[in-house]
Protein backbone atom coordinates (compact mmCIF):
# COMPACT_ATOMS: atom_id res chain seq x y z
CA MET A 1 38.72 -50.26 3.40
CA ASP A 2 42.18 -50.54 4.72
CA ASP A 3 42.25 -47.14 7.11
CA GLY A 4 39.04 -48.26 8.48
CA THR A 5 36.86 -46.03 6.31
CA TYR A 6 34.15 -46.96 4.09
CA SER A 7 32.21 -45.00 1.70
CA GLY A 8 29.25 -46.15 -0.58
CA THR A 9 26.65 -44.39 -3.26
CA ILE A 10 22.69 -44.99 -2.46
CA GLU A 11 19.56 -43.37 -4.02
CA LEU A 12 17.56 -41.92 -2.13
CA SER A 13 13.60 -41.28 -2.51
CA GLU A 14 12.11 -37.87 -1.74
CA GLY A 15 11.12 -37.66 1.62
CA GLU A 16 12.74 -39.64 4.68
CA ASN A 17 15.03 -42.25 4.28
CA GLU A 18 16.48 -44.59 6.95
CA LEU A 19 20.21 -45.52 6.39
CA MET A 20 22.04 -48.30 8.23
CA VAL A 21 25.40 -49.65 7.82
CA VAL A 22 26.20 -53.62 8.25
CA SER A 23 29.64 -54.97 8.55
CA VAL A 24 30.28 -58.21 6.80
CA ILE A 25 33.45 -60.67 7.66
CA ASN A 26 33.72 -64.00 5.92
CA ASP A 27 29.78 -63.63 4.60
CA GLU A 28 28.56 -62.95 8.31
CA GLU A 29 26.88 -60.11 9.55
CA THR A 30 28.93 -58.96 12.83
CA SER A 31 27.40 -55.47 13.42
CA VAL A 32 24.78 -53.11 12.74
CA SER A 33 24.87 -49.34 12.90
CA ASP A 34 22.18 -47.19 14.69
CA PRO A 35 19.87 -45.64 11.99
CA VAL A 36 20.43 -42.43 10.30
CA ILE A 37 17.40 -40.53 8.70
CA VAL A 38 18.17 -38.67 5.76
CA THR A 39 15.65 -36.34 3.89
CA LEU A 40 15.58 -35.65 0.56
CA ASP A 41 13.58 -32.80 -0.12
CA MET A 42 13.56 -31.54 -4.08
CA GLU A 43 10.29 -29.45 -3.75
CA ASN A 44 10.46 -25.59 -3.62
CA PRO A 45 8.28 -24.08 -0.85
CA GLU A 46 4.82 -22.86 -1.85
CA LEU A 47 4.53 -19.16 -1.27
CA THR A 48 2.17 -16.40 -1.78
CA VAL A 49 2.19 -12.71 -1.34
CA ASP A 50 -1.57 -11.88 0.12
CA THR A 51 -1.07 -8.08 1.26
CA PRO A 52 -0.36 -5.87 -0.38
CA SER A 53 -1.40 -6.39 -3.89
CA ASP A 54 1.01 -6.00 -6.68
CA GLY A 55 0.47 -2.28 -8.16
CA ASP A 56 -0.96 -0.97 -4.95
CA LYS A 57 -0.54 2.73 -3.92
CA THR A 58 0.07 4.01 -0.54
CA ASN A 59 1.15 7.40 1.16
CA ARG A 60 2.52 5.56 4.12
CA GLU A 61 6.38 5.15 4.57
CA THR A 62 5.91 1.65 5.86
CA ILE A 63 4.09 -1.51 4.93
CA THR A 64 3.67 -4.85 6.40
CA ILE A 65 3.90 -7.80 3.61
CA GLU A 66 1.88 -10.83 4.60
CA GLY A 67 1.22 -13.94 2.93
CA SER A 68 1.28 -17.86 3.34
CA ILE A 69 4.21 -20.42 3.37
CA SER A 70 3.72 -24.06 3.03
CA ASP A 71 6.99 -26.27 3.59
CA ASP A 72 7.54 -29.30 5.44
CA HIS A 73 11.37 -27.79 6.35
CA ILE A 74 11.24 -24.30 5.78
CA GLU A 75 14.11 -22.42 6.98
CA ARG A 76 13.30 -18.83 6.55
CA VAL A 77 11.44 -16.36 4.55
CA THR A 78 13.13 -12.90 3.67
CA VAL A 79 11.42 -9.83 2.53
CA ASN A 80 14.07 -7.48 0.67
CA GLY A 81 16.92 -9.17 2.56
CA GLN A 82 14.94 -9.25 6.07
CA VAL A 83 14.24 -12.01 7.88
CA ALA A 84 10.07 -11.88 8.23
CA ASP A 85 8.10 -13.61 11.28
CA ILE A 86 6.84 -17.01 10.87
CA SER A 87 3.70 -18.38 12.32
CA ASP A 88 0.91 -21.47 11.37
CA GLY A 89 1.93 -21.21 7.87
CA SER A 90 1.91 -17.57 7.43
CA TYR A 91 4.68 -14.89 7.50
CA SER A 92 4.74 -10.83 8.07
CA LYS A 93 7.32 -8.40 7.75
CA ARG A 94 7.14 -4.45 8.26
CA VAL A 95 9.61 -2.83 5.51
CA LEU A 96 10.23 0.71 4.93
CA LEU A 97 9.12 2.50 1.52
CA ASP A 98 10.79 5.21 -0.69
CA ASN A 99 8.79 7.92 -2.27
CA GLY A 100 8.17 6.12 -5.94
CA LYS A 101 7.88 2.76 -6.85
CA ASN A 102 9.14 -0.18 -4.70
CA THR A 103 9.80 -3.36 -5.46
CA ILE A 104 9.29 -5.87 -2.77
CA GLU A 105 11.08 -9.18 -3.06
CA VAL A 106 9.75 -12.33 -1.01
CA ILE A 107 12.06 -15.27 -0.71
CA ALA A 108 11.24 -18.79 1.06
CA GLU A 109 14.15 -21.11 1.72
CA ASP A 110 13.73 -24.27 3.18
CA LYS A 111 16.52 -26.56 4.94
CA ALA A 112 17.45 -28.34 1.73
CA GLY A 113 18.11 -24.99 -0.15
CA ASN A 114 14.94 -25.09 -2.25
CA GLU A 115 14.06 -21.49 -2.80
CA THR A 116 10.70 -19.75 -4.01
CA THR A 117 10.42 -15.88 -5.13
CA GLU A 118 7.55 -13.90 -5.12
CA SER A 119 7.36 -9.99 -5.93
CA VAL A 120 5.11 -7.22 -5.90
CA VAL A 121 5.50 -3.57 -6.77
CA ILE A 122 4.14 -0.74 -4.38
CA ASP A 123 3.60 2.83 -5.46
CA ALA A 124 4.49 5.57 -2.46
CA LYS A 125 3.76 8.89 -2.78
CA TYR A 126 3.80 11.13 0.38
CA ASP A 127 3.16 14.84 -1.30
CA ALA A 128 -0.03 16.19 -1.19
CA PRO A 129 -1.44 17.91 -4.22
CA LYS A 130 -0.60 21.48 -4.54
CA VAL A 131 -3.27 23.99 -5.67
CA LYS A 132 -2.34 26.82 -7.68
CA ASN A 133 -4.04 29.51 -9.62
CA LEU A 134 -6.93 29.29 -7.32
CA ASN A 135 -9.83 31.68 -8.20
CA PRO A 136 -11.52 33.76 -7.15
CA ASP A 137 -8.16 35.59 -5.86
CA LYS A 138 -10.35 38.77 -5.27
CA ASP A 139 -13.55 39.43 -3.59
CA VAL A 140 -16.75 39.42 -5.40
CA ASP A 141 -20.32 41.18 -4.96
CA LEU A 142 -23.12 38.71 -6.12
CA GLU A 143 -26.88 39.02 -5.95
CA ILE A 144 -29.23 36.22 -5.15
CA GLY A 145 -29.46 33.79 -8.22
CA LYS A 146 -25.86 34.71 -9.63
CA THR A 147 -23.57 31.91 -10.18
CA VAL A 148 -19.67 32.01 -8.86
CA LYS A 149 -16.81 30.07 -10.78
CA VAL A 150 -14.45 28.32 -8.77
CA GLU A 151 -11.14 27.07 -10.51
CA PHE A 152 -7.72 25.90 -9.91
CA ASP A 153 -4.85 24.17 -11.40
CA SER A 154 -2.92 21.11 -9.91
CA GLU A 155 -1.59 17.60 -11.24
CA PRO A 156 -4.02 15.51 -13.01
CA GLY A 157 -6.47 12.88 -12.28
CA LEU A 158 -7.31 14.55 -9.03
CA THR A 159 -10.92 14.16 -7.15
CA THR A 160 -11.70 17.68 -6.32
CA THR A 161 -14.51 19.54 -4.42
CA PHE A 162 -15.30 22.84 -2.89
CA PHE A 163 -17.22 23.95 -0.12
CA VAL A 164 -18.98 27.39 0.53
CA HIS A 165 -18.47 28.63 4.29
CA MET A 166 -21.36 30.88 4.84
CA PRO A 167 -20.81 33.81 7.22
CA LEU A 168 -22.91 34.61 10.36
CA THR A 169 -26.72 34.98 9.47
CA ASN A 170 -29.06 37.84 11.08
CA SER A 171 -29.61 35.74 13.73
CA GLY A 172 -25.80 35.28 15.15
CA LYS A 173 -25.49 31.78 14.10
CA ARG A 174 -22.94 30.60 11.36
CA ILE A 175 -24.72 27.90 8.83
CA ALA A 176 -23.23 24.97 9.94
CA ASN A 177 -21.97 21.69 7.98
CA ALA A 178 -21.30 23.60 4.40
CA THR A 179 -22.53 21.54 1.28
CA GLU A 180 -19.51 19.91 -0.29
CA LEU A 181 -19.88 20.41 -4.31
CA PRO A 182 -18.11 18.65 -7.16
CA MET A 183 -15.67 20.05 -9.49
CA MET A 184 -14.62 18.87 -12.86
CA GLU A 185 -11.38 18.59 -14.75
CA VAL A 186 -11.99 20.30 -17.89
CA SER A 187 -8.62 20.24 -19.07
CA LYS A 188 -5.27 18.47 -18.15
CA GLY A 189 -5.06 19.59 -14.35
CA HIS A 190 -7.31 22.16 -14.36
CA TYR A 191 -10.39 21.98 -12.33
CA VAL A 192 -14.20 23.87 -12.25
CA GLY A 193 -17.04 24.15 -10.12
CA TYR A 194 -20.03 26.30 -9.84
CA TRP A 195 -21.93 27.63 -7.12
CA THR A 196 -25.33 29.60 -7.52
CA ILE A 197 -26.52 31.64 -4.84
CA PRO A 198 -29.77 30.15 -3.09
CA GLN A 199 -33.12 32.14 -2.71
CA GLY A 200 -33.49 33.44 0.79
CA VAL A 201 -29.79 33.61 2.00
CA GLU A 202 -29.54 36.11 5.00
CA ALA A 203 -26.06 36.71 5.75
CA ASP A 204 -23.95 39.65 7.10
CA GLY A 205 -20.21 39.41 6.04
CA ALA A 206 -18.21 37.30 3.61
CA ALA A 207 -18.66 33.41 2.54
CA VAL A 208 -15.60 31.73 2.43
CA ILE A 209 -14.75 29.37 -0.51
CA GLU A 210 -12.49 26.57 0.22
CA VAL A 211 -11.26 23.45 -2.19
CA LYS A 212 -10.35 20.19 -1.65
CA ALA A 213 -8.27 17.91 -3.76
CA ILE A 214 -7.27 14.03 -3.32
CA ASP A 215 -4.52 11.93 -5.46
CA ASP A 216 -4.81 8.63 -6.32
CA TYR A 217 -2.74 7.97 -2.88
CA SER A 218 -5.39 9.59 -0.39
CA ASN A 219 -3.17 12.21 -0.15
CA VAL A 220 -5.52 15.43 0.76
CA THR A 221 -5.15 18.81 0.41
CA HIS A 222 -7.33 21.95 1.46
CA GLN A 223 -6.92 25.22 0.62
CA GLU A 224 -9.24 28.72 0.84
CA ALA A 225 -9.87 31.09 -1.71
CA GLU A 226 -8.27 34.49 -1.19
CA GLY A 227 -11.46 36.13 -2.88
CA LYS A 228 -14.61 36.05 -0.41
CA LEU A 229 -18.01 36.35 -1.32
CA TYR A 230 -20.29 39.17 -0.52
CA PHE A 231 -24.09 39.03 -0.78
CA ILE A 232 -26.05 41.75 -2.13
CA GLN A 233 -29.76 41.88 -0.71
């Protein structure tokens, strides 16, 4: 062109394209430019979210997002807008969680501007179950062979058990390793268990009942009943 500039349009192939400009005067080549490499990348990055899985539940306030990334020209991976660490085809990023459902969005972008997005939803809960109306709420005198009912109210869907912590024996030693006994959810949020006083119990003082409740997020609550058990010899 008269002002010493030039322009032209060429078709690129996927991958690296080597371009050179040749000047021609009177149908003769007079000079050749140094080659320039132009890469055409029309492929989106390959991206996975390996951990956590979609729908996972946790009682932690932070979680590490990890997965794999495959692209010859990767620019960055972001997790909820924060740049992740990339190493050997993998990425990781620790993020804060809110109480409740959290949508984690992972975006992989290459140098050509191609993007791939994956997302998972994580359900976080930090509050342990609350135990209400725990019975027995008054002291109970029991004979050998009789049965005591343990019950309480809480949120539905818990895994619940109870312990009977025995008092000192006649030898002055406390019975160790109280047996963990199952409870059942007999109606929505109402849990019941039974314990029958075994033969041969020799105990001075009161036995203490402790219940344990675990939710789907692994939050655990322990609570002792106000009512204690006294054994009638």
